[in-house]
Amino acid sequence: MRILVADDHDLVRETIASFLLASDGINVVETAGTLDEALAIVEDSVAFDLVLLDYNMPGMNGLAGLKRMKAATNEGRVALLSGTASPQIAQDAIADGAVGFVPKTLGSKSMVSAVKFMIMDEVYAPFDFMKQVQEKAVGNLSERETSVLMGICEGKSNKEIARDLDLQEVTIKLHVKTLSRKLEARNRTHAAMIAKERNLI
């Protein structure tokens, strides 16, 4: 297995790399300190089984960096790594195609398990971390889905909602699809009607 770890903190980067190299089955771990450096490595190397990107390193520009790496790897496996990102960012990253979200607080064994889990095409997100997203939820909707639903109820387009929430329009479309399914709504207009009938917003 070949892994690329991109993080601008030398100690974090090298520690994660050493965890991975010490485990069975992981033969190659390359490292980078910026997104551009990571992209250059991907372009010049044999394909990686997984790319781990630090959410806050230079060049990332939020989830835009995730999308650039996904494109560079031909939609390969890319996961976010962070010590500060919120559960909502983790959820948005997964909606945008990340194969997982790995908190830097994970222990060495859990880190290795998470990496191997994602290489097997499973999506990794720690339950205790992700359940915090639900704290500001309405009904069975996540906090982000609730925000999108509010925008729909205000008559805003996906583009306008995306601008308000500082997200990509395609991410809003995914949230609309998910919240409509949860509300058993036929379309966005129906979702708004249901929200008002149930006093969700």
N, C-alpha and C. Protein backbone atom coordinates (compact mmCIF):
# COMPACT_ATOMS: atom_id res chain seq x y z
N MET A 1 0.84 -1.20 0.00
CA MET A 1 0.00 0.00 0.00
C MET A 1 0.88 1.25 0.00
N ARG A 2 0.45 2.25 -0.75
CA ARG A 2 1.20 3.50 -0.87
C ARG A 2 0.35 4.66 -0.34
N ILE A 3 0.90 5.41 0.60
CA ILE A 3 0.17 6.51 1.23
C ILE A 3 0.94 7.81 1.04
N LEU A 4 0.21 8.91 0.84
CA LEU A 4 0.81 10.24 0.83
C LEU A 4 0.22 11.03 1.99
N VAL A 5 1.08 11.54 2.86
CA VAL A 5 0.65 12.35 4.01
C VAL A 5 1.09 13.79 3.77
N ALA A 6 0.13 14.70 3.68
CA ALA A 6 0.45 16.12 3.45
C ALA A 6 0.00 16.94 4.65
N ASP A 7 0.98 17.55 5.33
CA ASP A 7 0.70 18.35 6.53
C ASP A 7 1.84 19.35 6.68
N ASP A 8 1.52 20.59 7.03
CA ASP A 8 2.57 21.61 7.12
C ASP A 8 3.33 21.59 8.45
N HIS A 9 2.93 20.74 9.38
CA HIS A 9 3.67 20.62 10.64
C HIS A 9 4.60 19.41 10.55
N ASP A 10 5.90 19.69 10.56
CA ASP A 10 6.88 18.62 10.36
C ASP A 10 6.70 17.46 11.33
N LEU A 11 6.52 17.77 12.61
CA LEU A 11 6.42 16.73 13.62
C LEU A 11 5.19 15.85 13.40
N VAL A 12 4.05 16.49 13.13
CA VAL A 12 2.81 15.74 12.90
C VAL A 12 2.98 14.84 11.67
N ARG A 13 3.49 15.43 10.61
CA ARG A 13 3.67 14.69 9.34
C ARG A 13 4.56 13.47 9.52
N GLU A 14 5.69 13.68 10.16
CA GLU A 14 6.64 12.58 10.32
C GLU A 14 6.15 11.53 11.32
N THR A 15 5.42 11.98 12.34
CA THR A 15 4.88 11.03 13.32
C THR A 15 3.84 10.12 12.67
N ILE A 16 2.94 10.71 11.89
CA ILE A 16 1.92 9.90 11.20
C ILE A 16 2.60 8.94 10.22
N ALA A 17 3.58 9.43 9.50
CA ALA A 17 4.30 8.58 8.53
C ALA A 17 4.95 7.39 9.24
N SER A 18 5.55 7.64 10.41
CA SER A 18 6.21 6.55 11.14
C SER A 18 5.20 5.53 11.67
N PHE A 19 4.02 6.02 12.12
CA PHE A 19 2.94 5.11 12.55
C PHE A 19 2.59 4.16 11.42
N LEU A 20 2.40 4.73 10.24
CA LEU A 20 1.94 3.95 9.09
C LEU A 20 3.00 2.97 8.61
N LEU A 21 4.26 3.42 8.55
CA LEU A 21 5.32 2.54 8.06
C LEU A 21 5.59 1.38 9.01
N ALA A 22 5.24 1.55 10.28
CA ALA A 22 5.45 0.50 11.27
C ALA A 22 4.38 -0.59 11.21
N SER A 23 3.33 -0.35 10.43
CA SER A 23 2.23 -1.31 10.37
C SER A 23 2.39 -2.25 9.19
N ASP A 24 1.80 -3.43 9.30
CA ASP A 24 1.87 -4.41 8.23
C ASP A 24 1.08 -3.95 7.01
N GLY A 25 1.64 -4.18 5.84
CA GLY A 25 0.90 -3.92 4.60
C GLY A 25 1.13 -2.57 3.99
N ILE A 26 1.66 -1.61 4.76
CA ILE A 26 1.92 -0.28 4.20
C ILE A 26 3.41 -0.19 3.86
N ASN A 27 3.70 -0.16 2.57
CA ASN A 27 5.08 -0.26 2.11
C ASN A 27 5.75 1.09 1.86
N VAL A 28 4.94 2.05 1.38
CA VAL A 28 5.50 3.35 1.01
C VAL A 28 4.67 4.47 1.63
N VAL A 29 5.32 5.41 2.31
CA VAL A 29 4.64 6.61 2.81
C VAL A 29 5.48 7.82 2.37
N GLU A 30 4.92 8.63 1.50
CA GLU A 30 5.59 9.86 1.08
C GLU A 30 4.94 11.03 1.81
N THR A 31 5.68 12.12 1.96
CA THR A 31 5.17 13.26 2.71
C THR A 31 5.33 14.56 1.93
N ALA A 32 4.47 15.53 2.27
CA ALA A 32 4.51 16.86 1.66
C ALA A 32 4.09 17.88 2.71
N GLY A 33 4.55 19.13 2.53
CA GLY A 33 4.25 20.17 3.50
C GLY A 33 3.22 21.18 3.05
N THR A 34 2.85 21.13 1.76
CA THR A 34 1.83 22.04 1.22
C THR A 34 0.98 21.28 0.22
N LEU A 35 -0.14 21.84 -0.15
CA LEU A 35 -0.99 21.19 -1.16
C LEU A 35 -0.27 21.13 -2.50
N ASP A 36 0.37 22.21 -2.89
CA ASP A 36 1.06 22.23 -4.19
C ASP A 36 2.16 21.17 -4.25
N GLU A 37 2.87 21.01 -3.13
CA GLU A 37 3.91 19.98 -3.07
C GLU A 37 3.29 18.59 -3.21
N ALA A 38 2.15 18.40 -2.55
CA ALA A 38 1.46 17.11 -2.62
C ALA A 38 0.96 16.83 -4.04
N LEU A 39 0.43 17.86 -4.69
CA LEU A 39 -0.05 17.70 -6.07
C LEU A 39 1.10 17.34 -7.01
N ALA A 40 2.25 17.95 -6.79
CA ALA A 40 3.42 17.66 -7.62
C ALA A 40 3.88 16.21 -7.44
N ILE A 41 3.85 15.72 -6.20
CA ILE A 41 4.23 14.34 -5.92
C ILE A 41 3.27 13.37 -6.61
N VAL A 42 1.97 13.68 -6.53
CA VAL A 42 0.95 12.82 -7.16
C VAL A 42 1.17 12.75 -8.68
N GLU A 43 1.49 13.89 -9.27
CA GLU A 43 1.68 13.93 -10.72
C GLU A 43 2.92 13.16 -11.16
N ASP A 44 3.94 13.08 -10.30
CA ASP A 44 5.20 12.45 -10.68
C ASP A 44 5.37 11.03 -10.15
N SER A 45 4.37 10.51 -9.44
CA SER A 45 4.53 9.21 -8.78
C SER A 45 3.53 8.17 -9.31
N VAL A 46 3.83 6.93 -8.94
CA VAL A 46 2.85 5.86 -9.13
C VAL A 46 1.65 6.18 -8.25
N ALA A 47 0.48 5.74 -8.65
CA ALA A 47 -0.75 6.07 -7.91
C ALA A 47 -0.66 5.66 -6.44
N PHE A 48 -1.25 6.52 -5.59
CA PHE A 48 -1.32 6.23 -4.15
C PHE A 48 -2.64 5.55 -3.82
N ASP A 49 -2.61 4.67 -2.81
CA ASP A 49 -3.85 4.03 -2.35
C ASP A 49 -4.68 5.01 -1.53
N LEU A 50 -4.03 5.99 -0.91
CA LEU A 50 -4.74 6.97 -0.10
C LEU A 50 -3.89 8.23 0.04
N VAL A 51 -4.54 9.39 -0.06
CA VAL A 51 -3.88 10.66 0.20
C VAL A 51 -4.53 11.30 1.42
N LEU A 52 -3.73 11.64 2.44
CA LEU A 52 -4.22 12.32 3.64
C LEU A 52 -3.83 13.80 3.57
N LEU A 53 -4.82 14.68 3.58
CA LEU A 53 -4.57 16.12 3.46
C LEU A 53 -4.94 16.85 4.75
N ASP A 54 -3.99 17.64 5.25
CA ASP A 54 -4.29 18.49 6.41
C ASP A 54 -5.21 19.63 5.94
N TYR A 55 -6.32 19.80 6.62
CA TYR A 55 -7.33 20.79 6.21
C TYR A 55 -6.79 22.22 6.23
N ASN A 56 -5.87 22.51 7.13
CA ASN A 56 -5.41 23.89 7.32
C ASN A 56 -4.05 24.22 6.72
N MET A 57 -3.46 23.32 5.96
CA MET A 57 -2.12 23.61 5.44
C MET A 57 -2.18 24.58 4.25
N PRO A 58 -1.05 25.22 3.93
CA PRO A 58 -1.02 26.19 2.82
C PRO A 58 -1.52 25.59 1.51
N GLY A 59 -2.35 26.37 0.82
CA GLY A 59 -2.85 25.96 -0.49
C GLY A 59 -4.21 25.29 -0.46
N MET A 60 -4.66 24.87 0.72
CA MET A 60 -5.92 24.11 0.79
C MET A 60 -7.15 24.95 0.45
N ASN A 61 -7.19 26.19 0.98
CA ASN A 61 -8.35 27.05 0.71
C ASN A 61 -9.66 26.31 1.02
N GLY A 62 -9.73 25.79 2.24
CA GLY A 62 -10.92 25.04 2.64
C GLY A 62 -11.04 23.74 1.85
N LEU A 63 -12.25 23.43 1.43
CA LEU A 63 -12.49 22.18 0.72
C LEU A 63 -12.11 22.25 -0.75
N ALA A 64 -11.71 23.43 -1.22
CA ALA A 64 -11.26 23.56 -2.61
C ALA A 64 -10.02 22.69 -2.84
N GLY A 65 -9.16 22.59 -1.83
CA GLY A 65 -7.96 21.77 -1.94
C GLY A 65 -8.29 20.29 -2.08
N LEU A 66 -9.32 19.86 -1.38
CA LEU A 66 -9.79 18.47 -1.49
C LEU A 66 -10.18 18.18 -2.93
N LYS A 67 -10.92 19.10 -3.53
CA LYS A 67 -11.39 18.90 -4.91
C LYS A 67 -10.23 18.88 -5.90
N ARG A 68 -9.23 19.74 -5.67
CA ARG A 68 -8.06 19.74 -6.55
C ARG A 68 -7.32 18.40 -6.49
N MET A 69 -7.18 17.87 -5.27
CA MET A 69 -6.50 16.59 -5.13
C MET A 69 -7.33 15.44 -5.71
N LYS A 70 -8.64 15.50 -5.52
CA LYS A 70 -9.51 14.47 -6.12
C LYS A 70 -9.34 14.45 -7.63
N ALA A 71 -9.28 15.63 -8.23
CA ALA A 71 -9.10 15.72 -9.68
C ALA A 71 -7.73 15.20 -10.10
N ALA A 72 -6.70 15.55 -9.32
CA ALA A 72 -5.33 15.14 -9.65
C ALA A 72 -5.13 13.63 -9.56
N THR A 73 -5.90 12.99 -8.69
CA THR A 73 -5.79 11.53 -8.51
C THR A 73 -6.84 10.77 -9.30
N ASN A 74 -7.51 11.48 -10.23
CA ASN A 74 -8.59 10.85 -11.00
C ASN A 74 -9.66 10.24 -10.09
N GLU A 75 -10.10 11.06 -9.16
CA GLU A 75 -11.14 10.65 -8.19
C GLU A 75 -10.67 9.50 -7.31
N GLY A 76 -9.37 9.53 -6.97
CA GLY A 76 -8.84 8.51 -6.07
C GLY A 76 -9.26 8.77 -4.63
N ARG A 77 -8.73 7.95 -3.72
CA ARG A 77 -9.10 8.07 -2.31
C ARG A 77 -8.34 9.21 -1.65
N VAL A 78 -9.07 10.21 -1.18
CA VAL A 78 -8.49 11.36 -0.51
C VAL A 78 -9.26 11.58 0.79
N ALA A 79 -8.55 11.75 1.89
CA ALA A 79 -9.18 11.99 3.19
C ALA A 79 -8.63 13.25 3.82
N LEU A 80 -9.44 13.87 4.68
CA LEU A 80 -8.99 15.06 5.40
C LEU A 80 -8.42 14.67 6.75
N LEU A 81 -7.41 15.42 7.14
CA LEU A 81 -6.73 15.23 8.43
C LEU A 81 -6.77 16.59 9.12
N SER A 82 -7.21 16.64 10.37
CA SER A 82 -7.25 17.94 11.05
C SER A 82 -7.30 17.80 12.56
N GLY A 83 -6.77 18.84 13.20
CA GLY A 83 -6.87 18.90 14.65
C GLY A 83 -7.84 19.97 15.10
N THR A 84 -8.35 20.76 14.14
CA THR A 84 -9.21 21.89 14.50
C THR A 84 -10.54 21.94 13.75
N ALA A 85 -10.65 21.26 12.63
CA ALA A 85 -11.88 21.34 11.82
C ALA A 85 -13.08 20.82 12.61
N SER A 86 -14.24 21.43 12.35
CA SER A 86 -15.47 21.06 13.05
C SER A 86 -16.10 19.81 12.44
N PRO A 87 -16.99 19.16 13.18
CA PRO A 87 -17.72 18.03 12.61
C PRO A 87 -18.48 18.42 11.34
N GLN A 88 -18.95 19.66 11.27
CA GLN A 88 -19.68 20.09 10.08
C GLN A 88 -18.77 20.11 8.86
N ILE A 89 -17.53 20.58 9.04
CA ILE A 89 -16.57 20.57 7.93
C ILE A 89 -16.29 19.13 7.50
N ALA A 90 -16.16 18.24 8.48
CA ALA A 90 -15.93 16.83 8.16
C ALA A 90 -17.09 16.27 7.34
N GLN A 91 -18.30 16.61 7.74
CA GLN A 91 -19.48 16.13 7.01
C GLN A 91 -19.51 16.70 5.59
N ASP A 92 -19.18 17.98 5.45
CA ASP A 92 -19.15 18.62 4.12
C ASP A 92 -18.08 17.99 3.24
N ALA A 93 -16.94 17.66 3.84
CA ALA A 93 -15.85 17.03 3.09
C ALA A 93 -16.29 15.68 2.53
N ILE A 94 -16.95 14.90 3.36
CA ILE A 94 -17.43 13.58 2.93
C ILE A 94 -18.49 13.75 1.84
N ALA A 95 -19.35 14.76 1.98
CA ALA A 95 -20.34 15.04 0.93
C ALA A 95 -19.66 15.43 -0.38
N ASP A 96 -18.46 16.03 -0.27
CA ASP A 96 -17.71 16.44 -1.46
C ASP A 96 -16.81 15.34 -2.01
N GLY A 97 -16.90 14.15 -1.43
CA GLY A 97 -16.16 13.02 -1.99
C GLY A 97 -14.98 12.51 -1.21
N ALA A 98 -14.70 13.09 -0.04
CA ALA A 98 -13.61 12.56 0.80
C ALA A 98 -13.99 11.16 1.29
N VAL A 99 -12.98 10.29 1.40
CA VAL A 99 -13.27 8.94 1.90
C VAL A 99 -13.23 8.88 3.42
N GLY A 100 -12.97 10.03 4.03
CA GLY A 100 -12.98 10.04 5.49
C GLY A 100 -12.44 11.32 6.07
N PHE A 101 -12.57 11.40 7.39
CA PHE A 101 -12.06 12.53 8.16
C PHE A 101 -11.33 11.95 9.36
N VAL A 102 -10.05 12.30 9.47
CA VAL A 102 -9.22 11.72 10.53
C VAL A 102 -8.75 12.81 11.50
N PRO A 103 -9.26 12.84 12.73
CA PRO A 103 -8.78 13.81 13.72
C PRO A 103 -7.33 13.49 14.09
N LYS A 104 -6.51 14.51 14.27
CA LYS A 104 -5.11 14.29 14.64
C LYS A 104 -4.98 13.75 16.06
N THR A 105 -6.06 13.78 16.80
CA THR A 105 -6.04 13.29 18.19
C THR A 105 -6.12 11.76 18.26
N LEU A 106 -6.33 11.09 17.13
CA LEU A 106 -6.41 9.63 17.14
C LEU A 106 -5.09 9.03 17.59
N GLY A 107 -5.16 7.94 18.33
CA GLY A 107 -3.96 7.22 18.73
C GLY A 107 -3.36 6.49 17.53
N SER A 108 -2.14 5.98 17.69
CA SER A 108 -1.44 5.36 16.55
C SER A 108 -2.21 4.17 15.98
N LYS A 109 -2.71 3.28 16.83
CA LYS A 109 -3.43 2.10 16.34
C LYS A 109 -4.72 2.50 15.63
N SER A 110 -5.42 3.47 16.19
CA SER A 110 -6.67 3.93 15.56
C SER A 110 -6.39 4.61 14.23
N MET A 111 -5.29 5.36 14.17
CA MET A 111 -4.90 6.03 12.93
C MET A 111 -4.64 5.01 11.83
N VAL A 112 -3.87 3.99 12.15
CA VAL A 112 -3.55 2.94 11.17
C VAL A 112 -4.82 2.20 10.75
N SER A 113 -5.68 1.89 11.72
CA SER A 113 -6.94 1.21 11.40
C SER A 113 -7.81 2.05 10.48
N ALA A 114 -7.87 3.37 10.75
CA ALA A 114 -8.66 4.28 9.92
C ALA A 114 -8.14 4.30 8.49
N VAL A 115 -6.82 4.36 8.33
CA VAL A 115 -6.21 4.38 6.99
C VAL A 115 -6.53 3.10 6.23
N LYS A 116 -6.37 1.96 6.89
CA LYS A 116 -6.65 0.68 6.22
C LYS A 116 -8.13 0.55 5.88
N PHE A 117 -8.97 1.07 6.74
CA PHE A 117 -10.43 1.05 6.53
C PHE A 117 -10.76 1.83 5.26
N MET A 118 -10.17 3.02 5.11
CA MET A 118 -10.45 3.87 3.94
C MET A 118 -9.88 3.27 2.65
N ILE A 119 -8.74 2.59 2.75
CA ILE A 119 -8.16 1.94 1.57
C ILE A 119 -9.08 0.84 1.05
N MET A 120 -9.89 0.27 1.94
CA MET A 120 -10.85 -0.76 1.54
C MET A 120 -12.15 -0.15 0.99
N ASP A 121 -12.07 1.16 0.65
CA ASP A 121 -13.22 1.88 0.07
C ASP A 121 -14.37 2.09 1.04
N GLU A 122 -14.07 2.11 2.33
CA GLU A 122 -15.07 2.45 3.34
C GLU A 122 -14.86 3.91 3.76
N VAL A 123 -15.93 4.58 4.14
CA VAL A 123 -15.83 5.97 4.60
C VAL A 123 -15.61 5.98 6.11
N TYR A 124 -14.56 6.67 6.53
CA TYR A 124 -14.23 6.71 7.95
C TYR A 124 -14.56 8.08 8.55
N ALA A 125 -15.31 8.06 9.63
CA ALA A 125 -15.60 9.28 10.40
C ALA A 125 -15.90 8.84 11.83
N PRO A 126 -15.11 9.27 12.81
CA PRO A 126 -15.31 8.82 14.20
C PRO A 126 -16.71 9.18 14.70
N PHE A 127 -17.42 8.21 15.21
CA PHE A 127 -18.81 8.42 15.63
C PHE A 127 -18.93 9.51 16.69
N ASP A 128 -18.11 9.44 17.73
CA ASP A 128 -18.21 10.42 18.83
C ASP A 128 -17.97 11.85 18.33
N PHE A 129 -17.09 11.98 17.34
CA PHE A 129 -16.79 13.29 16.78
C PHE A 129 -17.95 13.76 15.90
N MET A 130 -18.43 12.89 15.03
CA MET A 130 -19.45 13.29 14.06
C MET A 130 -20.81 13.54 14.69
N LYS A 131 -21.10 12.89 15.81
CA LYS A 131 -22.44 13.06 16.40
C LYS A 131 -22.64 14.48 16.94
N GLN A 132 -21.53 15.23 17.10
CA GLN A 132 -21.65 16.63 17.53
C GLN A 132 -22.38 17.48 16.50
N VAL A 133 -22.36 17.03 15.23
CA VAL A 133 -23.05 17.77 14.16
C VAL A 133 -24.54 17.86 14.47
N GLN A 134 -25.04 16.83 15.13
CA GLN A 134 -26.48 16.76 15.35
C GLN A 134 -26.98 17.68 16.47
N GLU A 135 -26.07 18.29 17.21
CA GLU A 135 -26.50 19.08 18.36
C GLU A 135 -27.36 20.28 18.00
N LYS A 136 -27.12 20.85 16.82
CA LYS A 136 -27.92 21.99 16.38
C LYS A 136 -28.88 21.59 15.27
N ALA A 137 -29.21 20.31 15.21
CA ALA A 137 -30.07 19.82 14.15
C ALA A 137 -31.54 20.11 14.45
N VAL A 138 -32.32 20.13 13.39
CA VAL A 138 -33.78 20.24 13.52
C VAL A 138 -34.35 18.92 13.05
N GLY A 139 -35.16 18.28 13.91
CA GLY A 139 -35.71 16.98 13.55
C GLY A 139 -34.56 16.00 13.33
N ASN A 140 -34.60 15.31 12.17
CA ASN A 140 -33.51 14.38 11.86
C ASN A 140 -32.54 14.98 10.84
N LEU A 141 -32.59 16.30 10.67
CA LEU A 141 -31.68 16.98 9.75
C LEU A 141 -30.42 17.42 10.48
N SER A 142 -29.29 17.44 9.77
CA SER A 142 -28.05 17.94 10.35
C SER A 142 -28.11 19.47 10.42
N GLU A 143 -27.13 20.04 11.11
CA GLU A 143 -27.08 21.50 11.22
C GLU A 143 -26.98 22.15 9.84
N ARG A 144 -26.15 21.58 8.97
CA ARG A 144 -25.98 22.15 7.62
C ARG A 144 -27.25 21.99 6.79
N GLU A 145 -27.88 20.82 6.90
CA GLU A 145 -29.14 20.61 6.16
C GLU A 145 -30.21 21.59 6.63
N THR A 146 -30.21 21.87 7.94
CA THR A 146 -31.16 22.84 8.49
C THR A 146 -30.91 24.22 7.90
N SER A 147 -29.64 24.61 7.78
CA SER A 147 -29.29 25.90 7.19
C SER A 147 -29.73 25.99 5.74
N VAL A 148 -29.54 24.89 5.01
CA VAL A 148 -29.96 24.86 3.60
C VAL A 148 -31.48 24.95 3.50
N LEU A 149 -32.16 24.23 4.39
CA LEU A 149 -33.62 24.26 4.39
C LEU A 149 -34.14 25.67 4.68
N MET A 150 -33.47 26.37 5.57
CA MET A 150 -33.86 27.77 5.86
C MET A 150 -33.74 28.62 4.60
N GLY A 151 -32.67 28.40 3.84
CA GLY A 151 -32.49 29.13 2.60
C GLY A 151 -33.58 28.83 1.59
N ILE A 152 -33.95 27.56 1.50
CA ILE A 152 -35.04 27.15 0.60
C ILE A 152 -36.34 27.84 1.00
N CYS A 153 -36.63 27.84 2.30
CA CYS A 153 -37.86 28.46 2.80
C CYS A 153 -37.88 29.97 2.55
N GLU A 154 -36.68 30.56 2.43
CA GLU A 154 -36.60 32.00 2.13
C GLU A 154 -36.65 32.27 0.63
N GLY A 155 -36.83 31.19 -0.15
CA GLY A 155 -36.95 31.35 -1.60
C GLY A 155 -35.63 31.53 -2.32
N LYS A 156 -34.53 31.18 -1.69
CA LYS A 156 -33.22 31.37 -2.30
C LYS A 156 -32.87 30.20 -3.22
N SER A 157 -32.09 30.50 -4.25
CA SER A 157 -31.62 29.46 -5.16
C SER A 157 -30.44 28.73 -4.53
N ASN A 158 -30.07 27.57 -5.11
CA ASN A 158 -28.90 26.84 -4.60
C ASN A 158 -27.66 27.71 -4.64
N LYS A 159 -27.54 28.50 -5.70
CA LYS A 159 -26.37 29.37 -5.86
C LYS A 159 -26.31 30.41 -4.74
N GLU A 160 -27.47 30.98 -4.40
CA GLU A 160 -27.52 31.99 -3.33
C GLU A 160 -27.22 31.35 -1.97
N ILE A 161 -27.76 30.16 -1.74
CA ILE A 161 -27.52 29.46 -0.47
C ILE A 161 -26.04 29.11 -0.36
N ALA A 162 -25.45 28.66 -1.47
CA ALA A 162 -24.02 28.32 -1.49
C ALA A 162 -23.17 29.53 -1.13
N ARG A 163 -23.54 30.69 -1.66
CA ARG A 163 -22.80 31.91 -1.37
C ARG A 163 -22.94 32.29 0.11
N ASP A 164 -24.16 32.17 0.64
CA ASP A 164 -24.41 32.51 2.04
C ASP A 164 -23.61 31.62 2.99
N LEU A 165 -23.50 30.33 2.64
CA LEU A 165 -22.86 29.37 3.54
C LEU A 165 -21.39 29.13 3.18
N ASP A 166 -20.91 29.84 2.15
CA ASP A 166 -19.52 29.70 1.71
C ASP A 166 -19.20 28.26 1.32
N LEU A 167 -20.12 27.68 0.53
CA LEU A 167 -19.94 26.31 0.03
C LEU A 167 -20.08 26.29 -1.48
N GLN A 168 -19.74 25.16 -2.08
CA GLN A 168 -19.92 24.99 -3.51
C GLN A 168 -21.39 24.68 -3.81
N GLU A 169 -21.86 25.11 -4.98
CA GLU A 169 -23.26 24.86 -5.34
C GLU A 169 -23.57 23.37 -5.40
N VAL A 170 -22.60 22.56 -5.86
CA VAL A 170 -22.82 21.12 -5.94
C VAL A 170 -23.03 20.51 -4.55
N THR A 171 -22.37 21.09 -3.54
CA THR A 171 -22.56 20.61 -2.16
C THR A 171 -23.97 20.92 -1.68
N ILE A 172 -24.48 22.10 -2.03
CA ILE A 172 -25.84 22.46 -1.66
C ILE A 172 -26.84 21.51 -2.31
N LYS A 173 -26.60 21.17 -3.57
CA LYS A 173 -27.49 20.23 -4.28
C LYS A 173 -27.55 18.89 -3.56
N LEU A 174 -26.38 18.44 -3.06
CA LEU A 174 -26.35 17.18 -2.31
C LEU A 174 -27.16 17.29 -1.02
N HIS A 175 -27.01 18.42 -0.33
CA HIS A 175 -27.76 18.61 0.91
C HIS A 175 -29.27 18.68 0.64
N VAL A 176 -29.66 19.34 -0.46
CA VAL A 176 -31.08 19.43 -0.82
C VAL A 176 -31.63 18.04 -1.07
N LYS A 177 -30.86 17.24 -1.79
CA LYS A 177 -31.29 15.86 -2.09
C LYS A 177 -31.46 15.05 -0.80
N THR A 178 -30.48 15.18 0.10
CA THR A 178 -30.53 14.42 1.35
C THR A 178 -31.67 14.88 2.26
N LEU A 179 -31.83 16.18 2.42
CA LEU A 179 -32.88 16.67 3.32
C LEU A 179 -34.26 16.37 2.73
N SER A 180 -34.38 16.40 1.40
CA SER A 180 -35.66 16.07 0.77
C SER A 180 -36.02 14.62 1.04
N ARG A 181 -35.01 13.74 0.97
CA ARG A 181 -35.26 12.33 1.25
C ARG A 181 -35.68 12.14 2.71
N LYS A 182 -34.99 12.83 3.62
CA LYS A 182 -35.32 12.70 5.04
C LYS A 182 -36.73 13.21 5.35
N LEU A 183 -37.13 14.27 4.64
CA LEU A 183 -38.46 14.85 4.88
C LEU A 183 -39.54 14.18 4.02
N GLU A 184 -39.09 13.24 3.15
CA GLU A 184 -40.00 12.58 2.20
C GLU A 184 -40.68 13.62 1.31
N ALA A 185 -39.87 14.57 0.87
CA ALA A 185 -40.37 15.65 0.00
C ALA A 185 -40.07 15.32 -1.46
N ARG A 186 -40.98 15.66 -2.35
CA ARG A 186 -40.82 15.39 -3.78
C ARG A 186 -39.80 16.32 -4.42
N ASN A 187 -39.73 17.55 -3.92
CA ASN A 187 -38.81 18.54 -4.47
C ASN A 187 -38.57 19.62 -3.42
N ARG A 188 -37.80 20.66 -3.78
CA ARG A 188 -37.45 21.69 -2.80
C ARG A 188 -38.66 22.49 -2.34
N THR A 189 -39.62 22.72 -3.25
CA THR A 189 -40.84 23.45 -2.87
C THR A 189 -41.64 22.65 -1.85
N HIS A 190 -41.73 21.35 -2.11
CA HIS A 190 -42.45 20.46 -1.18
C HIS A 190 -41.73 20.42 0.17
N ALA A 191 -40.38 20.42 0.13
CA ALA A 191 -39.59 20.41 1.38
C ALA A 191 -39.89 21.66 2.20
N ALA A 192 -39.99 22.82 1.52
CA ALA A 192 -40.30 24.07 2.22
C ALA A 192 -41.68 24.01 2.84
N MET A 193 -42.65 23.44 2.11
CA MET A 193 -44.02 23.31 2.62
C MET A 193 -44.04 22.43 3.87
N ILE A 194 -43.33 21.30 3.80
CA ILE A 194 -43.28 20.38 4.94
C ILE A 194 -42.63 21.07 6.15
N ALA A 195 -41.56 21.81 5.90
CA ALA A 195 -40.86 22.51 6.98
C ALA A 195 -41.78 23.49 7.69
N LYS A 196 -42.57 24.21 6.92
CA LYS A 196 -43.48 25.19 7.50
C LYS A 196 -44.64 24.52 8.22
N GLU A 197 -45.14 23.43 7.64
CA GLU A 197 -46.25 22.71 8.27
C GLU A 197 -45.83 22.13 9.63
N ARG A 198 -44.60 21.66 9.69
CA ARG A 198 -44.10 21.01 10.91
C ARG A 198 -43.41 22.02 11.85
N ASN A 199 -43.39 23.29 11.44
CA ASN A 199 -42.71 24.32 12.24
C ASN A 199 -41.25 23.98 12.49
N LEU A 200 -40.59 23.45 11.46
CA LEU A 200 -39.19 23.08 11.60
C LEU A 200 -38.27 24.29 11.54
N ILE A 201 -38.71 25.33 10.85
CA ILE A 201 -37.88 26.52 10.67
C ILE A 201 -38.53 27.72 11.34
